[in-house]
Amino acid sequence: MDWPHIVLRSLSAIAMLYILTRILGKKQISQLTFFEYITGITLGELAGFISTDVEAHYAHGIAALLTWFLVPLTIELITLKSIKLRHLLEGKGTVMIQEGKVMGKNLKKERYTINELLEQLRTKNVFNVADVEFAVLEPSGDLSVLLKKENQPLTAKDIGLQVRHEKEPQAVILDGRIMNESLAIAGFSREWLHTELEKLGVTSDNVFLGQVDSYGSLYVDLYDDKLQVPQNNERQLLMANLKKCEADLVLYSLSTESKEARVMYENAAAQIRSEIEKLAPMLKS
């Protein structure tokens, strides 16, 4: 029977295809250019032939597989240094919309219908062509869209708001197990974690996922979906207390008849107001 032979050939083909694809890079499984698309299909076909065509010489299949691996790899290394070859093999982006105007000639060049263009815009949450400053069809087939300045979302920079640098959230509890490495990266200890869990009234054994953000807030998801975890309002309470202190100082400055006391209260209120502005991004998140 040939099935043990086919199983062995298939397993070896899977291993080789996995290794070769890993070497070629992640682009082989994400945004493909024309050449990468052809390479991916051919490598898959060759692996299939190697697995099932027991009458063919195994070494011939390996030679073909290695050829289709080495040629793309060599070309990819060359294109890293040659812009002309890169444009030749990967193509260049095509402008589809400029200043709200659809470029009809470029649509015809890419054999793109207006309906397809509108569909691509809708996938970017853009429903009005007039809102688009610039749109280009990338070599990968994806449409990149730049909205006009007045249609872009408002950012903290636009309003002069200083925000704290965001760090990657760390999963500190997975399947009830405390992840010491992630906890150390986040800058917290096991004692801190247990304290936070006590505030929420849960134990680590009951936590399916525990995650700490860059502000030190702990999010937990329990195994039992019916249980509701109480919300941690410590930062909101701290913000409210700071504002109350500021309001009290302002009230004291208005009610006192002493000029020295009034100046002291006003200065203290201004200092608290300044600290509130600095802490606002952390306490309101």
Protein backbone atom coordinates (compact mmCIF):
# COMPACT_ATOMS: atom_id res chain seq x y z
CA MET A 1 0.00 0.00 0.00
CA ASP A 2 1.18 3.51 -0.85
CA TRP A 3 -0.54 5.38 1.96
CA PRO A 4 2.41 5.21 4.43
CA HIS A 5 4.64 6.54 1.66
CA ILE A 6 2.17 9.36 0.93
CA VAL A 7 1.93 10.24 4.64
CA LEU A 8 5.71 10.50 4.94
CA ARG A 9 6.01 12.56 1.77
CA SER A 10 3.18 14.84 2.93
CA LEU A 11 4.73 15.39 6.35
CA SER A 12 8.10 16.23 4.84
CA ALA A 13 6.45 18.56 2.29
CA ILE A 14 4.57 20.37 5.08
CA ALA A 15 7.78 20.80 7.06
CA MET A 16 9.71 22.11 4.07
CA LEU A 17 6.91 24.44 2.98
CA TYR A 18 6.62 25.84 6.51
CA ILE A 19 10.37 26.46 6.76
CA LEU A 20 10.61 28.05 3.31
CA THR A 21 7.60 30.28 3.93
CA ARG A 22 9.03 31.43 7.26
CA ILE A 23 12.30 32.35 5.53
CA LEU A 24 10.50 34.23 2.75
CA GLY A 25 8.83 36.39 5.38
CA LYS A 26 5.41 37.43 6.64
CA LYS A 27 4.50 39.17 3.39
CA GLN A 28 3.77 35.75 1.95
CA ILE A 29 0.71 35.50 4.20
CA SER A 30 -0.39 39.14 4.29
CA GLN A 31 -0.37 41.71 1.48
CA LEU A 32 0.88 39.94 -1.63
CA THR A 33 2.36 41.52 -4.71
CA PHE A 34 1.82 39.88 -8.10
CA PHE A 35 5.12 38.00 -7.91
CA GLU A 36 4.55 36.87 -4.32
CA TYR A 37 1.06 35.72 -5.27
CA ILE A 38 2.43 33.53 -8.09
CA THR A 39 5.19 32.20 -5.84
CA GLY A 40 2.79 31.27 -3.07
CA ILE A 41 0.46 29.38 -5.42
CA THR A 42 3.32 27.51 -7.10
CA LEU A 43 4.94 26.47 -3.83
CA GLY A 44 1.60 25.09 -2.65
CA GLU A 45 1.08 23.19 -5.91
CA LEU A 46 4.59 21.71 -5.80
CA ALA A 47 4.10 20.60 -2.19
CA GLY A 48 0.87 18.88 -3.23
CA PHE A 49 2.56 17.07 -6.12
CA ILE A 50 5.45 15.97 -3.90
CA SER A 51 2.96 14.55 -1.39
CA THR A 52 0.72 12.53 -3.73
CA ASP A 53 2.68 11.75 -6.90
CA VAL A 54 4.43 8.64 -5.62
CA GLU A 55 5.59 7.64 -9.12
CA ALA A 56 7.58 10.84 -9.57
CA HIS A 57 11.14 11.04 -8.29
CA TYR A 58 11.12 12.68 -4.86
CA ALA A 59 14.38 14.52 -5.45
CA HIS A 60 12.96 16.19 -8.57
CA GLY A 61 10.14 17.66 -6.51
CA ILE A 62 12.60 18.89 -3.91
CA ALA A 63 14.71 20.53 -6.64
CA ALA A 64 11.66 22.32 -8.07
CA LEU A 65 10.58 23.44 -4.61
CA LEU A 66 14.03 24.81 -3.80
CA THR A 67 14.18 26.61 -7.16
CA TRP A 68 10.87 28.37 -6.52
CA PHE A 69 12.18 29.27 -3.08
CA LEU A 70 15.64 30.53 -4.03
CA VAL A 71 14.53 32.66 -7.01
CA PRO A 72 11.99 34.76 -5.01
CA LEU A 73 14.40 35.02 -2.09
CA THR A 74 17.19 36.27 -4.37
CA ILE A 75 14.89 38.74 -6.11
CA GLU A 76 13.62 39.99 -2.75
CA LEU A 77 17.18 40.65 -1.56
CA ILE A 78 17.98 42.49 -4.81
CA THR A 79 14.84 44.63 -4.67
CA LEU A 80 15.88 45.87 -1.23
CA LYS A 81 18.62 47.83 -3.00
CA SER A 82 17.08 48.43 -6.44
CA ILE A 83 14.11 50.79 -6.63
CA LYS A 84 13.65 50.23 -10.38
CA LEU A 85 13.47 46.45 -10.01
CA ARG A 86 11.14 46.87 -7.06
CA HIS A 87 8.75 48.97 -9.14
CA LEU A 88 9.04 46.50 -12.03
CA LEU A 89 8.14 43.45 -9.94
CA GLU A 90 5.87 44.93 -7.28
CA GLY A 91 4.37 47.81 -9.25
CA LYS A 92 3.66 51.32 -8.01
CA GLY A 93 0.69 52.88 -6.32
CA THR A 94 -1.97 54.48 -8.52
CA VAL A 95 -3.70 57.69 -7.47
CA MET A 96 -7.47 57.12 -7.58
CA ILE A 97 -8.73 60.30 -5.87
CA GLN A 98 -7.02 63.67 -5.57
CA GLU A 99 -8.58 66.67 -3.77
CA GLY A 100 -11.99 65.02 -3.89
CA LYS A 101 -11.73 64.39 -7.63
CA VAL A 102 -11.91 60.83 -8.97
CA MET A 103 -9.11 60.18 -11.47
CA GLY A 104 -11.06 58.51 -14.28
CA LYS A 105 -8.02 57.65 -16.41
CA ASN A 106 -6.37 55.84 -13.53
CA LEU A 107 -9.55 53.90 -12.85
CA LYS A 108 -9.55 52.67 -16.46
CA LYS A 109 -5.85 51.90 -16.25
CA GLU A 110 -6.42 49.63 -13.25
CA ARG A 111 -9.72 48.31 -14.71
CA TYR A 112 -11.45 49.62 -11.61
CA THR A 113 -15.15 50.51 -11.68
CA ILE A 114 -16.57 53.41 -9.71
CA ASN A 115 -18.68 50.95 -7.73
CA GLU A 116 -15.56 49.05 -6.69
CA LEU A 117 -13.92 52.31 -5.65
CA LEU A 118 -16.93 53.32 -3.56
CA GLU A 119 -16.99 49.88 -1.98
CA GLN A 120 -13.33 50.19 -1.02
CA LEU A 121 -13.99 53.64 0.46
CA ARG A 122 -16.85 52.28 2.55
CA THR A 123 -14.52 49.67 4.03
CA LYS A 124 -12.49 52.66 5.28
CA ASN A 125 -15.66 54.24 6.76
CA VAL A 126 -15.67 56.91 4.03
CA PHE A 127 -19.04 57.48 2.36
CA ASN A 128 -18.47 60.84 0.70
CA VAL A 129 -15.81 61.16 -2.01
CA ALA A 130 -15.64 64.91 -1.40
CA ASP A 131 -14.22 64.20 2.08
CA VAL A 132 -11.14 62.55 0.56
CA GLU A 133 -7.94 64.52 0.03
CA PHE A 134 -5.95 61.68 -1.48
CA ALA A 135 -6.53 57.98 -2.20
CA VAL A 136 -4.03 55.61 -3.75
CA LEU A 137 -4.40 52.00 -4.85
CA GLU A 138 -1.38 50.19 -3.43
CA PRO A 139 0.48 47.42 -5.30
CA SER A 140 -1.03 44.96 -2.80
CA GLY A 141 -4.54 45.94 -3.96
CA ASP A 142 -5.39 47.82 -0.76
CA LEU A 143 -6.78 51.35 -1.00
CA SER A 144 -5.05 53.91 1.24
CA VAL A 145 -7.19 56.95 2.04
CA LEU A 146 -6.22 60.36 3.44
CA LEU A 147 -9.15 62.50 4.53
CA LYS A 148 -9.17 66.26 4.18
CA LYS A 149 -7.91 68.06 7.26
CA GLU A 150 -11.36 69.25 8.32
CA ASN A 151 -12.71 65.70 8.11
CA GLN A 152 -9.96 64.03 10.12
CA PRO A 153 -10.67 62.99 13.72
CA LEU A 154 -9.68 65.53 16.36
CA THR A 155 -6.52 64.53 18.21
CA ALA A 156 -5.04 65.57 21.54
CA LYS A 157 -2.32 67.43 19.65
CA ASP A 158 -4.92 69.53 17.80
CA ILE A 159 -6.32 70.89 21.07
CA GLY A 160 -2.93 71.20 22.79
CA LEU A 161 -3.62 68.43 25.28
CA GLN A 162 -0.64 66.63 26.74
CA VAL A 163 -1.15 62.90 27.03
CA ARG A 164 0.91 60.29 28.76
CA HIS A 165 2.99 57.87 26.71
CA GLU A 166 1.05 54.64 26.23
CA LYS A 167 2.66 51.30 26.95
CA GLU A 168 1.57 47.90 25.75
CA PRO A 169 -1.02 46.36 28.10
CA GLN A 170 0.31 43.29 29.86
CA ALA A 171 -1.67 40.09 30.49
CA VAL A 172 -0.74 39.43 34.13
CA ILE A 173 -3.24 36.57 34.65
CA LEU A 174 -3.99 33.86 32.10
CA ASP A 175 -6.28 30.92 32.89
CA GLY A 176 -6.00 31.61 36.61
CA ARG A 177 -2.18 31.69 36.54
CA ILE A 178 -0.20 34.79 37.48
CA MET A 179 2.32 35.68 34.76
CA ASN A 180 5.34 36.91 36.71
CA GLU A 181 7.26 38.12 33.67
CA SER A 182 4.37 40.23 32.37
CA LEU A 183 3.80 41.59 35.87
CA ALA A 184 7.45 42.64 36.11
CA ILE A 185 7.33 44.31 32.67
CA ALA A 186 4.29 46.29 33.81
CA GLY A 187 6.28 47.40 36.87
CA PHE A 188 4.11 45.80 39.55
CA SER A 189 4.54 43.08 42.16
CA ARG A 190 2.43 40.06 43.11
CA GLU A 191 1.51 41.85 46.34
CA TRP A 192 0.10 44.78 44.33
CA LEU A 193 -1.87 42.37 42.15
CA HIS A 194 -3.36 40.54 45.13
CA THR A 195 -4.31 43.88 46.68
CA GLU A 196 -6.10 44.96 43.50
CA LEU A 197 -7.89 41.62 43.29
CA GLU A 198 -9.03 41.97 46.91
CA LYS A 199 -10.52 45.37 46.08
CA LEU A 200 -12.56 43.69 43.35
CA GLY A 201 -13.49 40.79 45.61
CA VAL A 202 -12.02 38.04 43.41
CA THR A 203 -9.10 35.62 43.55
CA SER A 204 -6.63 34.86 40.79
CA ASP A 205 -7.98 31.29 40.49
CA ASN A 206 -11.31 32.65 39.27
CA VAL A 207 -9.78 35.02 36.70
CA PHE A 208 -9.75 33.90 33.07
CA LEU A 209 -7.87 37.01 31.92
CA GLY A 210 -6.25 39.81 33.89
CA GLN A 211 -4.69 42.74 32.05
CA VAL A 212 -2.89 45.86 33.28
CA ASP A 213 -2.76 49.00 31.13
CA SER A 214 -0.13 51.73 31.13
CA TYR A 215 -2.09 53.68 33.79
CA GLY A 216 -2.00 50.80 36.25
CA SER A 217 -5.66 49.85 35.87
CA LEU A 218 -6.45 46.18 36.25
CA TYR A 219 -9.06 44.62 33.98
CA VAL A 220 -10.30 41.15 34.86
CA ASP A 221 -12.52 38.73 33.01
CA LEU A 222 -13.88 35.87 35.14
CA TYR A 223 -14.56 32.29 34.16
CA ASP A 224 -18.20 32.72 35.17
CA ASP A 225 -19.76 35.12 32.63
CA LYS A 226 -22.73 35.73 34.93
CA LEU A 227 -20.61 37.34 37.64
CA GLN A 228 -20.17 41.09 37.41
CA VAL A 229 -16.86 42.57 38.51
CA PRO A 230 -17.28 45.83 40.45
CA GLN A 231 -15.82 48.87 38.71
CA ASN A 232 -12.73 50.46 40.23
CA ASN A 233 -13.56 54.15 40.74
CA GLU A 234 -10.46 55.19 42.69
CA ARG A 235 -9.14 57.53 39.98
CA GLN A 236 -12.53 59.17 39.49
CA LEU A 237 -12.81 59.69 43.24
CA LEU A 238 -9.32 61.20 43.37
CA MET A 239 -10.21 63.60 40.56
CA ALA A 240 -13.44 64.57 42.31
CA ASN A 241 -11.59 65.21 45.61
CA LEU A 242 -8.98 67.37 43.88
CA LYS A 243 -11.67 69.48 42.23
CA LYS A 244 -13.48 69.78 45.56
CA CYS A 245 -10.28 71.02 47.21
CA GLU A 246 -9.84 73.60 44.47
CA ALA A 247 -13.44 74.76 44.84
CA ASP A 248 -13.08 75.01 48.64
CA LEU A 249 -9.95 77.13 48.33
CA VAL A 250 -11.65 79.46 45.86
CA LEU A 251 -14.60 79.75 48.27
CA TYR A 252 -12.28 80.55 51.17
CA SER A 253 -10.54 83.28 49.14
CA LEU A 254 -13.89 84.90 48.39
CA SER A 255 -15.17 84.74 51.97
CA THR A 256 -12.08 86.03 53.80
CA GLU A 257 -11.48 89.72 54.46
CA SER A 258 -7.72 89.31 54.86
CA LYS A 259 -5.77 90.18 51.71
CA GLU A 260 -2.88 87.90 52.71
CA ALA A 261 -5.21 84.95 53.27
CA ARG A 262 -7.02 85.67 50.00
CA VAL A 263 -3.71 85.59 48.06
CA MET A 264 -2.66 82.41 49.85
CA TYR A 265 -5.94 80.64 49.02
CA GLU A 266 -5.83 81.79 45.40
CA ASN A 267 -2.25 80.58 44.97
CA ALA A 268 -3.09 77.22 46.54
CA ALA A 269 -6.14 76.86 44.26
CA ALA A 270 -4.00 77.68 41.21
CA GLN A 271 -1.45 75.04 42.22
CA ILE A 272 -4.13 72.38 42.59
CA ARG A 273 -5.66 73.44 39.24
CA SER A 274 -2.24 73.01 37.61
CA GLU A 275 -1.85 69.52 39.10
CA ILE A 276 -5.35 68.56 37.95
CA GLU A 277 -4.44 69.51 34.38
CA LYS A 278 -1.32 67.33 34.56
CA LEU A 279 -3.14 64.37 36.08
CA ALA A 280 -6.29 64.62 33.93
CA PRO A 281 -5.09 62.24 31.15
CA MET A 282 -4.40 59.53 33.75
CA LEU A 283 -7.37 60.08 36.04
CA LYS A 284 -9.99 60.39 33.30
CA SER A 285 -8.92 57.31 31.31
